[in-house]
């Protein structure tokens, strides 16, 4: 299942130091397995929104705390829109694409050659 996690990271300092911390935090988040997309959000661009399959948010926050600064989990949610789309795709796969009004257009007949019959003994 796809998850969306929003993590607030303190990126204190002047403009250059803040940008450096943002780049470092983004590298850490993208390097984590399961991450598909990343976006900076918030008024001061201090929140990281991460989307992907089976993201370990606790591991991500721990890494950010060690290498960037204080980090806290704001929210974690499952993407419901994608689940609905997948269900619709599954329903469409079950339905036949073309429906013939009187059955299939081709008829198959089996023609057997008596020399290839398995019940006849080849020795006799």
PDB file of N, CA and C in Angstrom:
ATOM      1  N   UNK A   1       0.830  -1.184   0.000  1.00  0.00           N
ATOM      2  CA  UNK A   1       0.000   0.000   0.000  1.00  0.00           C
ATOM      3  C   UNK A   1       0.870   1.241   0.000  1.00  0.00           C
ATOM      4  N   UNK A   2       0.396   2.226  -0.673  1.00  0.00           N
ATOM      5  CA  UNK A   2       1.123   3.485  -0.732  1.00  0.00           C
ATOM      6  C   UNK A   2       0.792   4.323   0.485  1.00  0.00           C
ATOM      7  N   UNK A   3       1.837   4.939   1.036  1.00  0.00           N
ATOM      8  CA  UNK A   3       1.661   5.790   2.205  1.00  0.00           C
ATOM      9  C   UNK A   3       2.209   7.174   1.913  1.00  0.00           C
ATOM     10  N   UNK A   4       1.649   8.146   2.620  1.00  0.00           N
ATOM     11  CA  UNK A   4       2.142   9.513   2.579  1.00  0.00           C
ATOM     12  C   UNK A   4       2.500   9.909   3.997  1.00  0.00           C
ATOM     13  N   UNK A   5       3.738  10.365   4.192  1.00  0.00           N
ATOM     14  CA  UNK A   5       4.188  10.787   5.511  1.00  0.00           C
ATOM     15  C   UNK A   5       4.674  12.228   5.425  1.00  0.00           C
ATOM     16  N   UNK A   6       4.275  13.036   6.403  1.00  0.00           N
ATOM     17  CA  UNK A   6       4.736  14.414   6.492  1.00  0.00           C
ATOM     18  C   UNK A   6       5.592  14.528   7.744  1.00  0.00           C
ATOM     19  N   UNK A   7       6.829  14.993   7.573  1.00  0.00           N
ATOM     20  CA  UNK A   7       7.784  15.091   8.673  1.00  0.00           C
ATOM     21  C   UNK A   7       8.294  16.524   8.746  1.00  0.00           C
ATOM     22  N   UNK A   8       8.246  17.083   9.940  1.00  0.00           N
ATOM     23  CA  UNK A   8       8.739  18.443  10.139  1.00  0.00           C
ATOM     24  C   UNK A   8      10.190  18.363  10.612  1.00  0.00           C
ATOM     25  N   UNK A   9      11.053  19.090   9.922  1.00  0.00           N
ATOM     26  CA  UNK A   9      12.476  19.088  10.237  1.00  0.00           C
ATOM     27  C   UNK A   9      12.898  20.518  10.524  1.00  0.00           C
ATOM     28  N   UNK A  10      13.600  20.721  11.654  1.00  0.00           N
ATOM     29  CA  UNK A  10      14.069  22.072  11.957  1.00  0.00           C
ATOM     30  C   UNK A  10      15.317  22.341  11.134  1.00  0.00           C
ATOM     31  N   UNK A  11      15.223  23.348  10.279  1.00  0.00           N
ATOM     32  CA  UNK A  11      16.337  23.733   9.420  1.00  0.00           C
ATOM     33  C   UNK A  11      16.713  25.159   9.785  1.00  0.00           C
ATOM     34  N   UNK A  12      17.275  25.313  10.987  1.00  0.00           N
ATOM     35  CA  UNK A  12      17.608  26.631  11.514  1.00  0.00           C
ATOM     36  C   UNK A  12      18.845  27.200  10.833  1.00  0.00           C
ATOM     37  N   UNK A  13      19.033  28.468  11.040  1.00  0.00           N
ATOM     38  CA  UNK A  13      20.225  29.120  10.527  1.00  0.00           C
ATOM     39  C   UNK A  13      19.888  30.137   9.466  1.00  0.00           C
ATOM     40  N   UNK A  14      20.918  30.688   8.888  1.00  0.00           N
ATOM     41  CA  UNK A  14      20.737  31.680   7.840  1.00  0.00           C
ATOM     42  C   UNK A  14      20.290  30.995   6.566  1.00  0.00           C
ATOM     43  N   UNK A  15      20.101  31.769   5.528  1.00  0.00           N
ATOM     44  CA  UNK A  15      19.575  31.246   4.272  1.00  0.00           C
ATOM     45  C   UNK A  15      20.464  30.135   3.699  1.00  0.00           C
ATOM     46  N   UNK A  16      21.746  30.332   3.656  1.00  0.00           N
ATOM     47  CA  UNK A  16      22.642  29.320   3.078  1.00  0.00           C
ATOM     48  C   UNK A  16      22.660  28.047   3.903  1.00  0.00           C
ATOM     49  N   UNK A  17      22.683  28.172   5.210  1.00  0.00           N
ATOM     50  CA  UNK A  17      22.689  26.990   6.066  1.00  0.00           C
ATOM     51  C   UNK A  17      21.361  26.244   5.975  1.00  0.00           C
ATOM     52  N   UNK A  18      20.260  26.985   5.839  1.00  0.00           N
ATOM     53  CA  UNK A  18      18.948  26.354   5.703  1.00  0.00           C
ATOM     54  C   UNK A  18      18.830  25.561   4.414  1.00  0.00           C
ATOM     55  N   UNK A  19      19.347  26.138   3.322  1.00  0.00           N
ATOM     56  CA  UNK A  19      19.325  25.431   2.039  1.00  0.00           C
ATOM     57  C   UNK A  19      20.189  24.181   2.093  1.00  0.00           C
ATOM     58  N   UNK A  20      21.320  24.277   2.756  1.00  0.00           N
ATOM     59  CA  UNK A  20      22.210  23.123   2.892  1.00  0.00           C
ATOM     60  C   UNK A  20      21.518  22.015   3.684  1.00  0.00           C
ATOM     61  N   UNK A  21      20.822  22.392   4.745  1.00  0.00           N
ATOM     62  CA  UNK A  21      20.098  21.413   5.558  1.00  0.00           C
ATOM     63  C   UNK A  21      18.956  20.790   4.767  1.00  0.00           C
ATOM     64  N   UNK A  22      18.269  21.587   3.943  1.00  0.00           N
ATOM     65  CA  UNK A  22      17.189  21.052   3.105  1.00  0.00           C
ATOM     66  C   UNK A  22      17.724  20.010   2.128  1.00  0.00           C
ATOM     67  N   UNK A  23      18.831  20.355   1.457  1.00  0.00           N
ATOM     68  CA  UNK A  23      19.421  19.412   0.502  1.00  0.00           C
ATOM     69  C   UNK A  23      19.835  18.110   1.192  1.00  0.00           C
ATOM     70  N   UNK A  24      20.417  18.246   2.362  1.00  0.00           N
ATOM     71  CA  UNK A  24      20.868  17.075   3.116  1.00  0.00           C
ATOM     72  C   UNK A  24      19.677  16.218   3.536  1.00  0.00           C
ATOM     73  N   UNK A  25      18.610  16.862   4.000  1.00  0.00           N
ATOM     74  CA  UNK A  25      17.408  16.135   4.415  1.00  0.00           C
ATOM     75  C   UNK A  25      16.758  15.440   3.227  1.00  0.00           C
ATOM     76  N   UNK A  26      16.744  16.107   2.075  1.00  0.00           N
ATOM     77  CA  UNK A  26      16.159  15.496   0.878  1.00  0.00           C
ATOM     78  C   UNK A  26      16.976  14.294   0.423  1.00  0.00           C
ATOM     79  N   UNK A  27      18.294  14.376   0.480  1.00  0.00           N
ATOM     80  CA  UNK A  27      19.135  13.244   0.102  1.00  0.00           C
ATOM     81  C   UNK A  27      18.887  12.049   1.009  1.00  0.00           C
ATOM     82  N   UNK A  28      18.745  12.310   2.284  1.00  0.00           N
ATOM     83  CA  UNK A  28      18.495  11.223   3.243  1.00  0.00           C
ATOM     84  C   UNK A  28      17.149  10.571   2.965  1.00  0.00           C
ATOM     85  N   UNK A  29      16.118  11.397   2.735  1.00  0.00           N
ATOM     86  CA  UNK A  29      14.770  10.864   2.514  1.00  0.00           C
ATOM     87  C   UNK A  29      14.684  10.073   1.216  1.00  0.00           C
ATOM     88  N   UNK A  30      15.306  10.559   0.165  1.00  0.00           N
ATOM     89  CA  UNK A  30      15.248   9.866  -1.123  1.00  0.00           C
ATOM     90  C   UNK A  30      16.059   8.575  -1.078  1.00  0.00           C
ATOM     91  N   UNK A  31      17.093   8.536  -0.266  1.00  0.00           N
ATOM     92  CA  UNK A  31      17.929   7.343  -0.155  1.00  0.00           C
ATOM     93  C   UNK A  31      17.269   6.194   0.575  1.00  0.00           C
ATOM     94  N   UNK A  32      16.177   6.451   1.272  1.00  0.00           N
ATOM     95  CA  UNK A  32      15.473   5.406   2.017  1.00  0.00           C
ATOM     96  C   UNK A  32      14.693   4.513   1.062  1.00  0.00           C
ATOM     97  N   UNK A  33      14.663   3.219   1.324  1.00  0.00           N
ATOM     98  CA  UNK A  33      13.973   2.297   0.418  1.00  0.00           C
ATOM     99  C   UNK A  33      12.464   2.497   0.498  1.00  0.00           C
ATOM    100  N   UNK A  34      11.816   2.388  -0.644  1.00  0.00           N
ATOM    101  CA  UNK A  34      10.367   2.517  -0.732  1.00  0.00           C
ATOM    102  C   UNK A  34       9.890   3.909  -1.080  1.00  0.00           C
ATOM    103  N   UNK A  35      10.763   4.905  -1.065  1.00  0.00           N
ATOM    104  CA  UNK A  35      10.360   6.287  -1.342  1.00  0.00           C
ATOM    105  C   UNK A  35      10.243   6.487  -2.848  1.00  0.00           C
ATOM    106  N   UNK A  36       9.075   6.988  -3.283  1.00  0.00           N
ATOM    107  CA  UNK A  36       8.833   7.237  -4.701  1.00  0.00           C
ATOM    108  C   UNK A  36       8.858   8.716  -5.046  1.00  0.00           C
ATOM    109  N   UNK A  37       8.377   9.576  -4.126  1.00  0.00           N
ATOM    110  CA  UNK A  37       8.402  11.012  -4.399  1.00  0.00           C
ATOM    111  C   UNK A  37       8.592  11.781  -3.103  1.00  0.00           C
ATOM    112  N   UNK A  38       9.071  13.010  -3.255  1.00  0.00           N
ATOM    113  CA  UNK A  38       9.364  13.845  -2.110  1.00  0.00           C
ATOM    114  C   UNK A  38       9.010  15.282  -2.472  1.00  0.00           C
ATOM    115  N   UNK A  39       8.446  16.010  -1.511  1.00  0.00           N
ATOM    116  CA  UNK A  39       8.108  17.415  -1.728  1.00  0.00           C
ATOM    117  C   UNK A  39       8.344  18.198  -0.448  1.00  0.00           C
ATOM    118  N   UNK A  40       8.811  19.427  -0.607  1.00  0.00           N
ATOM    119  CA  UNK A  40       8.968  20.331   0.534  1.00  0.00           C
ATOM    120  C   UNK A  40       7.691  21.132   0.688  1.00  0.00           C
ATOM    121  N   UNK A  41       7.173  21.181   1.897  1.00  0.00           N
ATOM    122  CA  UNK A  41       5.924  21.896   2.153  1.00  0.00           C
ATOM    123  C   UNK A  41       6.083  22.768   3.379  1.00  0.00           C
ATOM    124  N   UNK A  42       5.036  23.461   3.705  1.00  0.00           N
ATOM    125  CA  UNK A  42       5.039  24.314   4.884  1.00  0.00           C
ATOM    126  C   UNK A  42       5.373  25.742   4.514  1.00  0.00           C
ATOM    127  N   UNK A  43       5.119  26.622   5.455  1.00  0.00           N
ATOM    128  CA  UNK A  43       5.335  28.035   5.215  1.00  0.00           C
ATOM    129  C   UNK A  43       6.821  28.350   5.020  1.00  0.00           C
ATOM    130  N   UNK A  44       7.677  27.740   5.808  1.00  0.00           N
ATOM    131  CA  UNK A  44       9.118  27.967   5.709  1.00  0.00           C
ATOM    132  C   UNK A  44       9.837  26.840   4.983  1.00  0.00           C
ATOM    133  N   UNK A  45       9.094  26.010   4.279  1.00  0.00           N
ATOM    134  CA  UNK A  45       9.628  24.823   3.603  1.00  0.00           C
ATOM    135  C   UNK A  45      10.393  23.940   4.584  1.00  0.00           C
ATOM    136  N   UNK A  46       9.795  23.742   5.749  1.00  0.00           N
ATOM    137  CA  UNK A  46      10.439  22.932   6.781  1.00  0.00           C
ATOM    138  C   UNK A  46       9.754  21.583   6.975  1.00  0.00           C
ATOM    139  N   UNK A  47       8.784  21.265   6.119  1.00  0.00           N
ATOM    140  CA  UNK A  47       8.100  19.972   6.185  1.00  0.00           C
ATOM    141  C   UNK A  47       8.421  19.183   4.914  1.00  0.00           C
ATOM    142  N   UNK A  48       8.718  17.914   5.102  1.00  0.00           N
ATOM    143  CA  UNK A  48       9.018  17.022   3.985  1.00  0.00           C
ATOM    144  C   UNK A  48       7.853  16.050   3.838  1.00  0.00           C
ATOM    145  N   UNK A  49       7.262  16.017   2.646  1.00  0.00           N
ATOM    146  CA  UNK A  49       6.192  15.059   2.365  1.00  0.00           C
ATOM    147  C   UNK A  49       6.784  13.946   1.509  1.00  0.00           C
ATOM    148  N   UNK A  50       6.713  12.720   2.024  1.00  0.00           N
ATOM    149  CA  UNK A  50       7.302  11.563   1.360  1.00  0.00           C
ATOM    150  C   UNK A  50       6.177  10.605   0.987  1.00  0.00           C
ATOM    151  N   UNK A  51       6.191  10.126  -0.268  1.00  0.00           N
ATOM    152  CA  UNK A  51       5.197   9.156  -0.731  1.00  0.00           C
ATOM    153  C   UNK A  51       5.913   7.920  -1.234  1.00  0.00           C
ATOM    154  N   UNK A  52       5.297   6.750  -0.981  1.00  0.00           N
ATOM    155  CA  UNK A  52       5.883   5.513  -1.470  1.00  0.00           C
ATOM    156  C   UNK A  52       5.296   4.283  -0.811  1.00  0.00           C
ATOM    157  N   UNK A  53       5.856   3.141  -1.187  1.00  0.00           N
ATOM    158  CA  UNK A  53       5.414   1.855  -0.650  1.00  0.00           C
ATOM    159  C   UNK A  53       6.227   1.502   0.583  1.00  0.00           C
ATOM    160  N   UNK A  54       5.562   1.085   1.610  1.00  0.00           N
ATOM    161  CA  UNK A  54       6.159   0.589   2.858  1.00  0.00           C
ATOM    162  C   UNK A  54       7.325   1.453   3.345  1.00  0.00           C
ATOM    163  N   UNK A  55       7.049   2.717   3.562  1.00  0.00           N
ATOM    164  CA  UNK A  55       8.064   3.638   4.070  1.00  0.00           C
ATOM    165  C   UNK A  55       8.161   3.459   5.580  1.00  0.00           C
ATOM    166  N   UNK A  56       9.376   3.333   6.078  1.00  0.00           N
ATOM    167  CA  UNK A  56       9.605   3.242   7.514  1.00  0.00           C
ATOM    168  C   UNK A  56       9.821   4.661   8.038  1.00  0.00           C
ATOM    169  N   UNK A  57       8.759   5.289   8.537  1.00  0.00           N
ATOM    170  CA  UNK A  57       8.830   6.687   8.961  1.00  0.00           C
ATOM    171  C   UNK A  57       9.698   6.861  10.200  1.00  0.00           C
ATOM    172  N   UNK A  58       9.685   5.890  11.085  1.00  0.00           N
ATOM    173  CA  UNK A  58      10.499   5.988  12.303  1.00  0.00           C
ATOM    174  C   UNK A  58      11.987   5.977  11.937  1.00  0.00           C
ATOM    175  N   UNK A  59      12.361   5.110  11.015  1.00  0.00           N
ATOM    176  CA  UNK A  59      13.752   5.058  10.572  1.00  0.00           C
ATOM    177  C   UNK A  59      14.143   6.375   9.893  1.00  0.00           C
ATOM    178  N   UNK A  60      13.243   6.928   9.086  1.00  0.00           N
ATOM    179  CA  UNK A  60      13.512   8.195   8.408  1.00  0.00           C
ATOM    180  C   UNK A  60      13.712   9.329   9.410  1.00  0.00           C
ATOM    181  N   UNK A  61      12.840   9.410  10.409  1.00  0.00           N
ATOM    182  CA  UNK A  61      12.954  10.461  11.426  1.00  0.00           C
ATOM    183  C   UNK A  61      14.242  10.295  12.220  1.00  0.00           C
ATOM    184  N   UNK A  62      14.609   9.061  12.541  1.00  0.00           N
ATOM    185  CA  UNK A  62      15.844   8.813  13.281  1.00  0.00           C
ATOM    186  C   UNK A  62      17.063   9.279  12.485  1.00  0.00           C
ATOM    187  N   UNK A  63      17.093   8.957  11.195  1.00  0.00           N
ATOM    188  CA  UNK A  63      18.207   9.393  10.353  1.00  0.00           C
ATOM    189  C   UNK A  63      18.268  10.915  10.247  1.00  0.00           C
ATOM    190  N   UNK A  64      17.096  11.551  10.102  1.00  0.00           N
ATOM    191  CA  UNK A  64      17.069  13.010  10.003  1.00  0.00           C
ATOM    192  C   UNK A  64      17.539  13.660  11.304  1.00  0.00           C
ATOM    193  N   UNK A  65      17.171  13.079  12.433  1.00  0.00           N
ATOM    194  CA  UNK A  65      17.612  13.625  13.725  1.00  0.00           C
ATOM    195  C   UNK A  65      19.119  13.519  13.885  1.00  0.00           C
ATOM    196  N   UNK A  66      19.699  12.415  13.433  1.00  0.00           N
ATOM    197  CA  UNK A  66      21.136  12.210  13.579  1.00  0.00           C
ATOM    198  C   UNK A  66      21.936  13.146  12.679  1.00  0.00           C
ATOM    199  N   UNK A  67      21.454  13.370  11.449  1.00  0.00           N
ATOM    200  CA  UNK A  67      22.274  14.059  10.466  1.00  0.00           C
ATOM    201  C   UNK A  67      21.876  15.502  10.181  1.00  0.00           C
ATOM    202  N   UNK A  68      20.626  15.895  10.486  1.00  0.00           N
ATOM    203  CA  UNK A  68      20.177  17.250  10.146  1.00  0.00           C
ATOM    204  C   UNK A  68      19.840  18.059  11.388  1.00  0.00           C
ATOM    205  N   UNK A  69      18.964  17.547  12.207  1.00  0.00           N
ATOM    206  CA  UNK A  69      18.519  18.268  13.389  1.00  0.00           C
ATOM    207  C   UNK A  69      17.215  17.674  13.884  1.00  0.00           C
ATOM    208  N   UNK A  70      16.502  18.409  14.712  1.00  0.00           N
ATOM    209  CA  UNK A  70      15.258  17.904  15.276  1.00  0.00           C
ATOM    210  C   UNK A  70      14.245  17.615  14.165  1.00  0.00           C
ATOM    211  N   UNK A  71      13.609  16.451  14.255  1.00  0.00           N
ATOM    212  CA  UNK A  71      12.592  16.043  13.290  1.00  0.00           C
ATOM    213  C   UNK A  71      11.453  15.375  14.031  1.00  0.00           C
ATOM    214  N   UNK A  72      10.234  15.620  13.558  1.00  0.00           N
ATOM    215  CA  UNK A  72       9.062  15.000  14.184  1.00  0.00           C
ATOM    216  C   UNK A  72       8.047  14.629  13.109  1.00  0.00           C
ATOM    217  N   UNK A  73       7.315  13.556  13.378  1.00  0.00           N
ATOM    218  CA  UNK A  73       6.294  13.083  12.448  1.00  0.00           C
ATOM    219  C   UNK A  73       5.042  13.929  12.631  1.00  0.00           C
ATOM    220  N   UNK A  74       4.565  14.537  11.544  1.00  0.00           N
ATOM    221  CA  UNK A  74       3.342  15.335  11.583  1.00  0.00           C
ATOM    222  C   UNK A  74       2.140  14.451  11.280  1.00  0.00           C
ATOM    223  N   UNK A  75       2.216  13.663  10.215  1.00  0.00           N
ATOM    224  CA  UNK A  75       1.109  12.769   9.870  1.00  0.00           C
ATOM    225  C   UNK A  75       1.600  11.634   8.984  1.00  0.00           C
ATOM    226  N   UNK A  76       0.887  10.519   9.075  1.00  0.00           N
ATOM    227  CA  UNK A  76       1.111   9.362   8.213  1.00  0.00           C
ATOM    228  C   UNK A  76      -0.258   8.884   7.774  1.00  0.00           C
ATOM    229  N   UNK A  77      -0.451   8.744   6.456  1.00  0.00           N
ATOM    230  CA  UNK A  77      -1.751   8.330   5.933  1.00  0.00           C
ATOM    231  C   UNK A  77      -1.560   7.423   4.729  1.00  0.00           C
ATOM    232  N   UNK A  78      -2.555   6.570   4.495  1.00  0.00           N
ATOM    233  CA  UNK A  78      -2.556   5.713   3.317  1.00  0.00           C
ATOM    234  C   UNK A  78      -3.287   6.436   2.195  1.00  0.00           C
ATOM    235  N   UNK A  79      -2.812   6.266   0.969  1.00  0.00           N
ATOM    236  CA  UNK A  79      -3.456   6.883  -0.184  1.00  0.00           C
ATOM    237  C   UNK A  79      -4.673   6.059  -0.579  1.00  0.00           C
ATOM    238  N   UNK A  80      -5.841   6.618  -0.379  1.00  0.00           N
ATOM    239  CA  UNK A  80      -7.078   5.902  -0.698  1.00  0.00           C
ATOM    240  C   UNK A  80      -7.455   6.054  -2.161  1.00  0.00           C
ATOM    241  N   UNK A  81      -7.048   7.134  -2.790  1.00  0.00           N
ATOM    242  CA  UNK A  81      -7.380   7.360  -4.191  1.00  0.00           C
ATOM    243  C   UNK A  81      -6.783   6.278  -5.069  1.00  0.00           C
ATOM    244  N   UNK A  82      -5.551   5.908  -4.798  1.00  0.00           N
ATOM    245  CA  UNK A  82      -4.890   4.900  -5.603  1.00  0.00           C
ATOM    246  C   UNK A  82      -5.520   3.531  -5.409  1.00  0.00           C
ATOM    247  N   UNK A  83      -5.996   3.244  -4.190  1.00  0.00           N
ATOM    248  CA  UNK A  83      -6.657   1.965  -3.940  1.00  0.00           C
ATOM    249  C   UNK A  83      -7.939   1.875  -4.756  1.00  0.00           C
ATOM    250  N   UNK A  84      -8.696   2.968  -4.813  1.00  0.00           N
ATOM    251  CA  UNK A  84      -9.931   2.974  -5.584  1.00  0.00           C
ATOM    252  C   UNK A  84      -9.641   2.791  -7.067  1.00  0.00           C
ATOM    253  N   UNK A  85      -8.570   3.443  -7.562  1.00  0.00           N
ATOM    254  CA  UNK A  85      -8.203   3.291  -8.959  1.00  0.00           C
ATOM    255  C   UNK A  85      -7.809   1.859  -9.264  1.00  0.00           C
ATOM    256  N   UNK A  86      -7.078   1.215  -8.353  1.00  0.00           N
ATOM    257  CA  UNK A  86      -6.674  -0.169  -8.561  1.00  0.00           C
ATOM    258  C   UNK A  86      -7.885  -1.095  -8.572  1.00  0.00           C
ATOM    259  N   UNK A  87      -8.861  -0.831  -7.698  1.00  0.00           N
ATOM    260  CA  UNK A  87     -10.073  -1.645  -7.675  1.00  0.00           C
ATOM    261  C   UNK A  87     -10.837  -1.495  -8.979  1.00  0.00           C
ATOM    262  N   UNK A  88     -10.914  -0.290  -9.512  1.00  0.00           N
ATOM    263  CA  UNK A  88     -11.606  -0.068 -10.782  1.00  0.00           C
ATOM    264  C   UNK A  88     -10.888  -0.793 -11.909  1.00  0.00           C
ATOM    265  N   UNK A  89      -9.551  -0.777 -11.894  1.00  0.00           N
ATOM    266  CA  UNK A  89      -8.789  -1.476 -12.923  1.00  0.00           C
ATOM    267  C   UNK A  89      -9.032  -2.978 -12.837  1.00  0.00           C
ATOM    268  N   UNK A  90      -9.092  -3.521 -11.599  1.00  0.00           N
ATOM    269  CA  UNK A  90      -9.341  -4.949 -11.424  1.00  0.00           C
ATOM    270  C   UNK A  90     -10.723  -5.327 -11.928  1.00  0.00           C
ATOM    271  N   UNK A  91     -11.714  -4.462 -11.683  1.00  0.00           N
ATOM    272  CA  UNK A  91     -13.064  -4.733 -12.155  1.00  0.00           C
ATOM    273  C   UNK A  91     -13.113  -4.724 -13.673  1.00  0.00           C
ATOM    274  N   UNK A  92     -12.389  -3.823 -14.287  1.00  0.00           N
ATOM    275  CA  UNK A  92     -12.377  -3.739 -15.742  1.00  0.00           C
ATOM    276  C   UNK A  92     -11.684  -4.952 -16.348  1.00  0.00           C
ATOM    277  N   UNK A  93     -10.691  -5.495 -15.678  1.00  0.00           N
ATOM    278  CA  UNK A  93      -9.983  -6.661 -16.187  1.00  0.00           C
ATOM    279  C   UNK A  93     -10.877  -7.894 -16.189  1.00  0.00           C
ATOM    280  N   UNK A  94     -11.783  -7.997 -15.229  1.00  0.00           N
ATOM    281  CA  UNK A  94     -12.657  -9.157 -15.141  1.00  0.00           C
ATOM    282  C   UNK A  94     -13.701  -9.166 -16.252  1.00  0.00           C
ATOM    283  N   UNK A  95     -14.099  -7.998 -16.726  1.00  0.00           N
ATOM    284  CA  UNK A  95     -15.118  -7.922 -17.770  1.00  0.00           C
ATOM    285  C   UNK A  95     -14.485  -8.204 -19.129  1.00  0.00           C
ATOM    286  N   UNK A  96     -15.188  -8.950 -19.998  1.00  0.00           N
ATOM    287  CA  UNK A  96     -14.638  -9.173 -21.335  1.00  0.00           C
ATOM    288  C   UNK A  96     -14.668  -7.879 -22.147  1.00  0.00           C
ATOM    289  N   UNK A  97     -13.689  -7.717 -22.998  1.00  0.00           N
ATOM    290  CA  UNK A  97     -13.590  -6.500 -23.802  1.00  0.00           C
ATOM    291  C   UNK A  97     -14.632  -6.486 -24.915  1.00  0.00           C
ATOM    292  N   UNK A  98     -14.786  -7.629 -25.610  1.00  0.00           N
ATOM    293  CA  UNK A  98     -15.732  -7.709 -26.726  1.00  0.00           C
ATOM    294  C   UNK A  98     -16.728  -8.814 -26.421  1.00  0.00           C
ATOM    295  N   UNK A  99     -17.975  -8.506 -26.567  1.00  0.00           N
ATOM    296  CA  UNK A  99     -19.016  -9.510 -26.367  1.00  0.00           C
ATOM    297  C   UNK A  99     -19.680  -9.786 -27.710  1.00  0.00           C
ATOM    298  N   UNK A 100     -19.663 -11.052 -28.128  1.00  0.00           N
ATOM    299  CA  UNK A 100     -20.280 -11.438 -29.386  1.00  0.00           C
ATOM    300  C   UNK A 100     -21.759 -11.732 -29.142  1.00  0.00           C
ATOM    301  N   UNK A 101     -22.627 -11.331 -30.041  1.00  0.00           N
ATOM    302  CA  UNK A 101     -24.061 -11.535 -29.816  1.00  0.00           C
ATOM    303  C   UNK A 101     -24.483 -13.002 -29.837  1.00  0.00           C
ATOM    304  N   UNK A 102     -23.804 -13.843 -30.628  1.00  0.00           N
ATOM    305  CA  UNK A 102     -24.211 -15.239 -30.734  1.00  0.00           C
ATOM    306  C   UNK A 102     -23.055 -16.186 -30.465  1.00  0.00           C
ATOM    307  N   UNK A 103     -22.189 -15.847 -29.564  1.00  0.00           N
ATOM    308  CA  UNK A 103     -21.053 -16.707 -29.270  1.00  0.00           C
ATOM    309  C   UNK A 103     -19.828 -16.280 -30.055  1.00  0.00           C
ATOM    310  N   UNK A 104     -18.768 -17.039 -29.941  1.00  0.00           N
ATOM    311  CA  UNK A 104     -17.542 -16.666 -30.652  1.00  0.00           C
ATOM    312  C   UNK A 104     -17.714 -16.814 -32.157  1.00  0.00           C
ATOM    313  N   UNK A 105     -16.983 -16.046 -32.945  1.00  0.00           N
ATOM    314  CA  UNK A 105     -17.168 -16.086 -34.397  1.00  0.00           C
ATOM    315  C   UNK A 105     -16.545 -17.319 -35.052  1.00  0.00           C
ATOM    316  N   UNK A 106     -15.664 -18.028 -34.355  1.00  0.00           N
ATOM    317  CA  UNK A 106     -15.005 -19.178 -34.953  1.00  0.00           C
ATOM    318  C   UNK A 106     -15.446 -20.460 -34.257  1.00  0.00           C
ATOM    319  N   UNK A 107     -15.572 -21.521 -35.050  1.00  0.00           N
ATOM    320  CA  UNK A 107     -15.920 -22.827 -34.508  1.00  0.00           C
ATOM    321  C   UNK A 107     -14.741 -23.757 -34.769  1.00  0.00           C
ATOM    322  N   UNK A 108     -14.334 -24.487 -33.752  1.00  0.00           N
ATOM    323  CA  UNK A 108     -13.210 -25.400 -33.874  1.00  0.00           C
ATOM    324  C   UNK A 108     -13.720 -26.830 -33.911  1.00  0.00           C
ATOM    325  N   UNK A 109     -13.189 -27.617 -34.862  1.00  0.00           N
ATOM    326  CA  UNK A 109     -13.529 -29.025 -34.977  1.00  0.00           C
ATOM    327  C   UNK A 109     -12.260 -29.836 -34.785  1.00  0.00           C
ATOM    328  N   UNK A 110     -12.417 -30.966 -34.126  1.00  0.00           N
ATOM    329  CA  UNK A 110     -11.286 -31.839 -33.905  1.00  0.00           C
ATOM    330  C   UNK A 110     -11.289 -32.924 -34.961  1.00  0.00           C
ATOM    331  N   UNK A 111     -10.182 -33.056 -35.666  1.00  0.00           N
ATOM    332  CA  UNK A 111     -10.062 -34.074 -36.699  1.00  0.00           C
ATOM    333  C   UNK A 111      -8.977 -35.045 -36.244  1.00  0.00           C
ATOM    334  N   UNK A 112      -9.359 -36.305 -36.162  1.00  0.00           N
ATOM    335  CA  UNK A 112      -8.421 -37.315 -35.700  1.00  0.00           C
ATOM    336  C   UNK A 112      -7.967 -38.182 -36.866  1.00  0.00           C
ATOM    337  N   UNK A 113      -6.710 -38.498 -36.839  1.00  0.00           N
ATOM    338  CA  UNK A 113      -6.135 -39.414 -37.812  1.00  0.00           C
ATOM    339  C   UNK A 113      -6.058 -40.785 -37.144  1.00  0.00           C
ATOM    340  N   UNK A 114      -6.605 -41.828 -37.742  1.00  0.00           N
ATOM    341  CA  UNK A 114      -6.617 -43.136 -37.097  1.00  0.00           C
ATOM    342  C   UNK A 114      -5.223 -43.700 -36.858  1.00  0.00           C
ATOM    343  N   UNK A 115      -4.232 -43.295 -37.620  1.00  0.00           N
ATOM    344  CA  UNK A 115      -2.892 -43.835 -37.424  1.00  0.00           C
ATOM    345  C   UNK A 115      -2.230 -43.283 -36.154  1.00  0.00           C
ATOM    346  N   UNK A 116      -2.749 -42.173 -35.626  1.00  0.00           N
ATOM    347  CA  UNK A 116      -2.197 -41.603 -34.403  1.00  0.00           C
ATOM    348  C   UNK A 116      -3.054 -41.908 -33.176  1.00  0.00           C
ATOM    349  N   UNK A 117      -3.969 -42.805 -33.273  1.00  0.00           N
ATOM    350  CA  UNK A 117      -4.830 -43.159 -32.147  1.00  0.00           C
ATOM    351  C   UNK A 117      -3.993 -43.897 -31.101  1.00  0.00           C
ATOM    352  N   UNK A 118      -4.130 -43.518 -29.843  1.00  0.00           N
ATOM    353  CA  UNK A 118      -3.315 -44.086 -28.770  1.00  0.00           C
ATOM    354  C   UNK A 118      -3.804 -45.460 -28.324  1.00  0.00           C
ATOM    355  N   UNK A 119      -5.022 -45.829 -28.628  1.00  0.00           N
ATOM    356  CA  UNK A 119      -5.560 -47.113 -28.189  1.00  0.00           C
ATOM    357  C   UNK A 119      -5.113 -48.281 -29.078  1.00  0.00           C
ATOM    358  N   UNK A 120      -4.607 -48.034 -30.229  1.00  0.00           N
ATOM    359  CA  UNK A 120      -4.218 -49.087 -31.159  1.00  0.00           C
ATOM    360  C   UNK A 120      -2.782 -49.489 -30.877  1.00  0.00           C
ATOM    361  N   UNK A 121      -2.534 -50.771 -30.878  1.00  0.00           N
ATOM    362  CA  UNK A 121      -1.196 -51.294 -30.632  1.00  0.00           C
ATOM    363  C   UNK A 121      -0.396 -51.206 -31.928  1.00  0.00           C
ATOM    364  N   UNK A 122       0.803 -50.656 -31.869  1.00  0.00           N
ATOM    365  CA  UNK A 122       1.607 -50.465 -33.073  1.00  0.00           C
ATOM    366  C   UNK A 122       2.327 -51.747 -33.503  1.00  0.00           C
ATOM    367  N   UNK A 123       2.415 -52.731 -32.619  1.00  0.00           N
ATOM    368  CA  UNK A 123       3.103 -53.985 -32.959  1.00  0.00           C
ATOM    369  C   UNK A 123       2.254 -54.827 -33.884  1.00  0.00           C
ATOM    370  N   UNK A 124       0.988 -54.836 -33.731  1.00  0.00           N
ATOM    371  CA  UNK A 124       0.117 -55.708 -34.514  1.00  0.00           C
ATOM    372  C   UNK A 124      -0.148 -55.164 -35.841  1.00  0.00           C
TER     373      UNK A 124
END
